[in-house]
């Protein structure tokens, strides 16, 4: 039993040391910039989807306008 306890305690101590690791200001800034970049990319993807939706709506309205103009009598043109 003791031969398993010592490695487990050593592993726990190593894990705890990693969890308590202090990051340098440069590392913290890099992680913050990474998070901000991720959010910016997510926002860009959402905006791209909204633009696609709006473009589809515009195309549909444009098609409807052309259909209505085609139905106008020649004298009105």
Foldseek 3Di string as FASTA:
>chain_A
DVVVVVVVVVVVVVVVCVVPDDDDPVVVVVVVVVVVVVVVVVVVVVVVVVVVVVVVVVVVVVVVVVVVVVPDDPVVD
